[in-house]
Amino acid sequence: MIAAALRPRSVGGAVLALERGFALEDAAGTVTKLDVLSNVPGLGMNEGGCDSDGRFPGLFPCAGFPAAAGYPDGLTVDGDAGVWVVVFGGSAVRPVREFAD
């Protein structure tokens, strides 16, 4: 098991983002894998963080992201709650609203 990201839990232990889903570590160090979120080839988590309410965002759906734009490689949120996507191969950080249907 390889963890792509790890964030502490308020009850001890940690939340681990794995390649295809999540696992929970308790305060004693016991790790419990949760159900797989995705079996899509080439789709995996590589980093992550918690929001101000302690939620760990899940997979970002990239349907509709134009291949010519590059590859989605990260997200961030600005002070106005605007979501931005980091574009690998596109040398850019672009607002997600550009890709909305």
C-alpha atoms as a PDB file:
ATOM      1  CA  MET A   1       0.000   0.000   0.000  1.00  0.00           C
ATOM      2  CA  ILE A   2       1.388   3.375  -1.053  1.00  0.00           C
ATOM      3  CA  ALA A   3      -0.033   6.589   0.418  1.00  0.00           C
ATOM      4  CA  ALA A   4      -0.128   9.579  -1.916  1.00  0.00           C
ATOM      5  CA  ALA A   5      -1.128  11.933   0.918  1.00  0.00           C
ATOM      6  CA  LEU A   6      -1.639  11.730   4.644  1.00  0.00           C
ATOM      7  CA  ARG A   7      -3.558  14.068   6.944  1.00  0.00           C
ATOM      8  CA  PRO A   8      -4.004  13.757  10.735  1.00  0.00           C
ATOM      9  CA  ARG A   9      -7.397  12.900  12.233  1.00  0.00           C
ATOM     10  CA  SER A  10      -8.803  14.778  15.230  1.00  0.00           C
ATOM     11  CA  VAL A  11      -9.318  11.410  17.011  1.00  0.00           C
ATOM     12  CA  GLY A  12      -5.724  10.328  16.404  1.00  0.00           C
ATOM     13  CA  GLY A  13      -4.229   8.470  13.496  1.00  0.00           C
ATOM     14  CA  ALA A  14      -4.575   9.701   9.933  1.00  0.00           C
ATOM     15  CA  VAL A  15      -6.529   9.684   6.692  1.00  0.00           C
ATOM     16  CA  LEU A  16      -4.451   8.222   3.881  1.00  0.00           C
ATOM     17  CA  ALA A  17      -5.125   8.932   0.211  1.00  0.00           C
ATOM     18  CA  LEU A  18      -4.159   5.845  -1.751  1.00  0.00           C
ATOM     19  CA  GLU A  19      -3.852   5.463  -5.502  1.00  0.00           C
ATOM     20  CA  ARG A  20      -7.479   4.330  -5.918  1.00  0.00           C
ATOM     21  CA  GLY A  21      -9.174   5.338  -2.653  1.00  0.00           C
ATOM     22  CA  PHE A  22      -8.682   6.010   1.043  1.00  0.00           C
ATOM     23  CA  ALA A  23      -7.628   4.252   4.236  1.00  0.00           C
ATOM     24  CA  LEU A  24      -8.011   5.216   7.870  1.00  0.00           C
ATOM     25  CA  GLU A  25      -5.294   4.798  10.477  1.00  0.00           C
ATOM     26  CA  ASP A  26      -6.482   4.759  14.082  1.00  0.00           C
ATOM     27  CA  ALA A  27      -4.579   6.145  17.084  1.00  0.00           C
ATOM     28  CA  ALA A  28      -2.986   2.715  17.685  1.00  0.00           C
ATOM     29  CA  GLY A  29      -1.602   2.578  14.118  1.00  0.00           C
ATOM     30  CA  THR A  30      -4.047   0.016  12.694  1.00  0.00           C
ATOM     31  CA  VAL A  31      -4.844   0.793   9.041  1.00  0.00           C
ATOM     32  CA  THR A  32      -8.240  -0.026   7.512  1.00  0.00           C
ATOM     33  CA  LYS A  33      -8.609   0.296   3.738  1.00  0.00           C
ATOM     34  CA  LEU A  34     -11.933   1.723   2.547  1.00  0.00           C
ATOM     35  CA  ASP A  35     -13.741   0.759  -0.663  1.00  0.00           C
ATOM     36  CA  VAL A  36     -12.000   1.533  -3.960  1.00  0.00           C
ATOM     37  CA  LEU A  37     -13.280   4.780  -5.484  1.00  0.00           C
ATOM     38  CA  SER A  38     -12.133   4.267  -9.045  1.00  0.00           C
ATOM     39  CA  ASN A  39     -10.686   1.603 -11.323  1.00  0.00           C
ATOM     40  CA  VAL A  40     -10.196   4.001 -14.220  1.00  0.00           C
ATOM     41  CA  PRO A  41      -6.772   3.315 -15.805  1.00  0.00           C
ATOM     42  CA  GLY A  42      -4.427   6.253 -15.405  1.00  0.00           C
ATOM     43  CA  LEU A  43      -6.559   7.930 -12.747  1.00  0.00           C
ATOM     44  CA  GLY A  44      -5.008   8.172  -9.318  1.00  0.00           C
ATOM     45  CA  MET A  45      -4.391  10.532  -6.441  1.00  0.00           C
ATOM     46  CA  ASN A  46      -1.018  12.156  -6.042  1.00  0.00           C
ATOM     47  CA  GLU A  47      -1.626  14.723  -3.285  1.00  0.00           C
ATOM     48  CA  GLY A  48      -4.395  16.146  -1.181  1.00  0.00           C
ATOM     49  CA  GLY A  49      -5.520  18.227   1.718  1.00  0.00           C
ATOM     50  CA  CYS A  50      -8.433  18.873   4.022  1.00  0.00           C
ATOM     51  CA  ASP A  51     -10.870  21.740   3.796  1.00  0.00           C
ATOM     52  CA  SER A  52     -11.691  23.991   6.763  1.00  0.00           C
ATOM     53  CA  ASP A  53     -14.341  21.493   7.950  1.00  0.00           C
ATOM     54  CA  GLY A  54     -11.842  18.617   7.979  1.00  0.00           C
ATOM     55  CA  ARG A  55     -13.202  16.942   4.837  1.00  0.00           C
ATOM     56  CA  PHE A  56     -10.734  15.309   2.476  1.00  0.00           C
ATOM     57  CA  PRO A  57     -11.886  16.069  -1.092  1.00  0.00           C
ATOM     58  CA  GLY A  58     -12.218  13.012  -3.310  1.00  0.00           C
ATOM     59  CA  LEU A  59     -11.355  12.493  -6.941  1.00  0.00           C
ATOM     60  CA  PHE A  60     -11.837  15.426  -9.273  1.00  0.00           C
ATOM     61  CA  PRO A  61     -13.924  14.503 -12.310  1.00  0.00           C
ATOM     62  CA  CYS A  62     -12.064  15.545 -15.435  1.00  0.00           C
ATOM     63  CA  ALA A  63     -14.744  14.740 -17.986  1.00  0.00           C
ATOM     64  CA  GLY A  64     -14.914  17.542 -20.497  1.00  0.00           C
ATOM     65  CA  PHE A  65     -11.348  18.718 -19.894  1.00  0.00           C
ATOM     66  CA  PRO A  66      -9.993  19.233 -23.415  1.00  0.00           C
ATOM     67  CA  ALA A  67      -6.971  17.046 -24.208  1.00  0.00           C
ATOM     68  CA  ALA A  68      -5.341  19.941 -26.058  1.00  0.00           C
ATOM     69  CA  ALA A  69      -5.291  21.960 -22.814  1.00  0.00           C
ATOM     70  CA  GLY A  70      -2.853  19.536 -21.137  1.00  0.00           C
ATOM     71  CA  TYR A  71      -3.453  17.282 -18.143  1.00  0.00           C
ATOM     72  CA  PRO A  72      -5.199  18.273 -14.889  1.00  0.00           C
ATOM     73  CA  ASP A  73      -2.555  17.940 -12.169  1.00  0.00           C
ATOM     74  CA  GLY A  74      -3.899  19.708  -9.107  1.00  0.00           C
ATOM     75  CA  LEU A  75      -6.553  22.025  -7.729  1.00  0.00           C
ATOM     76  CA  THR A  76      -6.661  25.069  -5.541  1.00  0.00           C
ATOM     77  CA  VAL A  77      -9.367  27.391  -4.254  1.00  0.00           C
ATOM     78  CA  ASP A  78      -8.988  31.184  -4.151  1.00  0.00           C
ATOM     79  CA  GLY A  79     -10.360  33.604  -1.546  1.00  0.00           C
ATOM     80  CA  ASP A  80     -13.616  33.969  -3.501  1.00  0.00           C
ATOM     81  CA  ALA A  81     -14.213  30.182  -3.538  1.00  0.00           C
ATOM     82  CA  GLY A  82     -13.173  29.977  -7.193  1.00  0.00           C
ATOM     83  CA  VAL A  83     -11.677  26.600  -8.129  1.00  0.00           C
ATOM     84  CA  TRP A  84      -8.549  26.560 -10.276  1.00  0.00           C
ATOM     85  CA  VAL A  85      -6.874  23.619 -12.004  1.00  0.00           C
ATOM     86  CA  VAL A  86      -3.117  23.263 -12.458  1.00  0.00           C
ATOM     87  CA  VAL A  87      -2.418  22.146 -16.025  1.00  0.00           C
ATOM     88  CA  PHE A  88       0.607  19.917 -16.579  1.00  0.00           C
ATOM     89  CA  GLY A  89       1.804  20.182 -20.153  1.00  0.00           C
ATOM     90  CA  GLY A  90      -0.203  23.367 -20.567  1.00  0.00           C
ATOM     91  CA  SER A  91       2.026  25.580 -18.365  1.00  0.00           C
ATOM     92  CA  ALA A  92      -0.993  27.208 -16.730  1.00  0.00           C
ATOM     93  CA  VAL A  93      -3.348  27.516 -13.804  1.00  0.00           C
ATOM     94  CA  ARG A  94      -6.853  27.956 -15.202  1.00  0.00           C
ATOM     95  CA  PRO A  95     -10.283  28.486 -13.628  1.00  0.00           C
ATOM     96  CA  VAL A  96     -12.405  25.351 -13.678  1.00  0.00           C
ATOM     97  CA  ARG A  97     -15.382  27.405 -14.893  1.00  0.00           C
ATOM     98  CA  GLU A  98     -13.666  27.509 -18.328  1.00  0.00           C
ATOM     99  CA  PHE A  99     -14.412  23.804 -18.673  1.00  0.00           C
ATOM    100  CA  ALA A 100     -17.995  23.763 -17.338  1.00  0.00           C
ATOM    101  CA  ASP A 101     -20.748  22.576 -19.628  1.00  0.00           C
END
